[in-house]
Each structure stands twice: as C-alpha cells, then as structure tokens.
Protein backbone atom coordinates (compact mmCIF):
# COMPACT_ATOMS: atom_id res chain seq x y z
CA MET A 1 211.12 140.73 125.21
CA THR A 2 209.87 140.09 121.72
CA PHE A 3 207.91 142.61 119.72
CA LYS A 4 204.75 140.49 119.98
CA ARG A 5 204.90 140.39 123.79
CA PHE A 6 205.53 144.12 123.89
CA ILE A 7 202.38 144.78 121.80
CA ILE A 8 200.32 142.41 123.96
CA ALA A 9 201.53 144.15 127.12
CA LEU A 10 200.92 147.57 125.59
CA LEU A 11 197.32 146.64 124.76
CA SER A 12 196.52 144.74 127.94
CA ILE A 13 197.64 147.40 130.44
CA PRO A 14 194.87 149.91 129.52
CA LEU A 15 192.26 147.14 129.50
CA ILE A 16 193.29 145.91 132.94
CA ALA A 17 193.33 149.48 134.25
CA TYR A 18 189.85 150.08 132.81
CA TRP A 19 188.59 146.88 134.41
CA LEU A 20 190.09 147.65 137.83
CA ILE A 21 189.31 151.38 138.03
CA LEU A 22 186.29 152.20 135.88
CA SER A 23 184.22 149.03 135.51
CA PRO A 24 182.75 149.28 139.06
CA VAL A 25 181.59 152.87 138.44
CA ILE A 26 179.83 152.62 135.06
CA PRO A 27 176.31 153.91 135.78
CA ASN A 28 173.35 151.66 135.06
CA TYR A 29 170.43 154.07 134.69
CA THR A 30 167.86 151.28 135.03
CA ASP A 31 169.19 150.08 138.39
CA GLU A 32 166.20 149.88 140.73
CA TYR A 33 168.31 150.67 143.81
CA THR A 34 169.48 154.00 142.44
CA TYR A 35 168.35 157.23 144.04
CA HIS A 36 167.55 160.07 141.57
CA TRP A 37 166.58 163.67 142.24
CA ASN A 38 166.45 166.96 140.34
CA SER A 39 167.87 170.36 141.24
CA LYS A 40 165.37 173.05 142.19
CA ASP A 41 165.91 174.93 138.92
CA GLY A 42 165.37 171.74 136.87
CA LYS A 43 168.68 172.01 134.99
CA TRP A 44 170.41 169.06 136.66
CA LYS A 45 169.55 165.53 137.64
CA PHE A 46 171.61 163.73 140.27
CA SER A 47 171.83 159.99 140.81
CA ILE A 48 173.54 157.98 143.51
CA TYR A 49 174.66 154.55 142.33
CA HIS A 50 175.95 151.52 144.19
CA ILE A 51 179.31 150.13 143.16
CA SER A 52 179.00 147.31 140.63
CA VAL A 53 180.68 144.11 141.75
CA THR A 54 183.07 143.53 138.84
CA THR A 55 186.42 143.18 140.63
CA PRO A 56 187.57 141.78 143.97
CA ILE A 57 188.18 145.31 145.27
CA SER A 58 184.71 146.44 144.19
CA PHE A 59 183.18 143.53 146.11
CA ILE A 60 184.68 144.92 149.30
CA GLN A 61 183.52 148.45 148.37
CA PHE A 62 180.02 147.14 147.65
CA TRP A 63 179.98 145.31 150.98
CA GLN A 64 180.95 148.59 152.71
CA GLU A 65 178.05 150.29 150.86
CA LYS A 66 180.27 152.69 148.94
CA LYS A 67 178.51 154.78 146.30
CA TYR A 68 179.25 157.40 143.68
CA LEU A 69 177.30 160.35 142.35
CA VAL A 70 176.48 160.97 138.67
CA LEU A 71 175.31 164.22 137.11
CA TYR A 72 172.89 164.40 134.16
CA ASN A 73 171.46 167.47 132.46
CA SER A 74 167.72 168.09 132.13
CA LYS A 75 167.63 165.92 128.96
CA ASP A 76 169.08 162.92 130.88
CA GLU A 77 172.43 163.23 129.07
CA TYR A 78 175.46 162.08 131.06
CA ILE A 79 177.63 165.05 132.13
CA GLY A 80 180.07 163.47 134.56
CA GLN A 81 180.52 161.83 137.91
CA THR A 82 182.53 161.96 141.07
CA THR A 83 186.00 160.50 141.17
CA PRO A 84 186.34 156.70 141.08
CA PHE A 85 189.28 156.98 143.51
CA CYS A 86 187.32 158.19 146.52
CA LEU A 87 184.06 156.35 147.04
CA GLN A 88 181.88 156.78 150.09
CA SER A 89 178.56 156.05 151.62
CA PHE A 90 176.41 159.10 150.91
CA MET A 91 174.48 159.93 154.03
CA ASP A 92 174.80 163.69 154.32
CA PHE A 93 176.38 166.07 151.85
CA ASN A 94 175.95 169.57 150.44
CA ILE A 95 175.69 170.56 146.78
CA LEU A 96 176.86 173.87 145.33
CA LEU A 97 175.46 174.50 141.86
CA PRO A 98 177.40 176.45 139.19
CA ASN A 99 177.37 180.22 139.38
CA ARG A 100 179.41 183.14 138.02
CA SER A 101 182.53 182.28 140.02
CA HIS A 102 182.77 178.56 139.17
CA ASN A 103 181.47 176.30 136.42
CA SER A 104 181.34 173.03 138.34
CA ILE A 105 178.97 171.26 140.62
CA TRP A 106 180.65 170.88 144.01
CA PHE A 107 179.84 168.17 146.51
CA LEU A 108 180.99 168.53 150.07
CA PRO A 109 180.49 165.16 151.78
CA ASP A 110 182.17 163.84 154.90
CA GLU A 111 185.00 161.79 153.41
CA CYS A 112 185.86 163.46 150.07
CA ASP A 113 185.53 166.96 148.69
CA TYR A 114 185.17 166.85 144.94
CA SER A 115 183.39 168.41 142.02
CA ILE A 116 181.95 167.50 138.63
CA PRO A 117 183.09 169.95 135.95
CA ILE A 118 180.36 170.85 133.47
CA ASP A 119 182.30 172.27 130.54
CA LYS A 120 185.60 170.31 130.75
CA PRO A 121 184.91 166.79 132.06
CA ASN A 122 187.55 164.82 133.93
CA TRP A 123 189.32 162.01 132.08
CA TRP A 124 187.25 159.29 133.73
CA SER A 125 184.01 161.07 132.78
CA ARG A 126 185.16 161.27 129.15
CA ILE A 127 185.93 157.54 129.06
CA ILE A 128 182.66 156.61 130.75
CA LYS A 129 180.67 158.92 128.45
CA PHE A 130 182.29 157.20 125.46
CA ARG A 131 181.53 153.78 126.96
CA LEU A 132 177.88 154.74 127.57
CA SER A 133 177.53 155.92 123.96
CA LEU A 134 178.39 152.48 122.58
C-alpha cells in the first residue's frame, strides 16, 4: 500500500463511521414531528426525535419508528442524548433526574436502559455538540 492510499484510508474511515453511526441521530430542533417537554423543576428540556434517513440502515430504523431522546438545559443548549447504538420506539419510559447520588439523567424504557451524563458527556454527545456548533 502506498503512502497516499494509507492517508486516504486513514481519513475516510472516521468519515464513513460518522456517516453510518451519527448522521441518523443529529437532532434537528425545528423538526415539526418532534415531541418536546420540560421537567417539573424547569431545569431540563427533553425532546424525542425520529431517526433521520441518511443511510440504508437508518431507513429501516425509521420504518420501524425508532427514536432517540435528547436533553437540553433550560437555555435550550444541547447537553447530550441517548446512545446511537440502541434506538427504540418510545411509548412508555421513566425518567430519573439528577440528585446527590448520581449526576446523570436516567431513562428506563422497555428495550434499553441508558443515561445522559450531565457533567461528562459521552463521546457521541461531544461529537454531535461540536457538529451542532458549526
């Protein structure tokens, strides 16, 4: 393998991974089919988004009505979102807000148990926050 092909492969792998994994779960705040609601204390805003059809896999997930949850603070600043590796159709789930014992928002749905850290975002939330800032 030549040096040029090595550099092309080195640059294309992250772009392909971004396209396959994160492009379907980039939130579009102006989406009219998004469901938004606030926590009772007014500190957090939650939004449920549909998967964007950007890849062949995301088309199937969109057809199955898979969704993901995004957390914003009271100033509508992006904090983080649920994992892009376990998507589901949100019908019934419980939310545990941060308290003295944990500093994350926990979601307990049927298919996946996951959280959104507030102070140390997951790697996908950091990448998406950077992407949204552009």
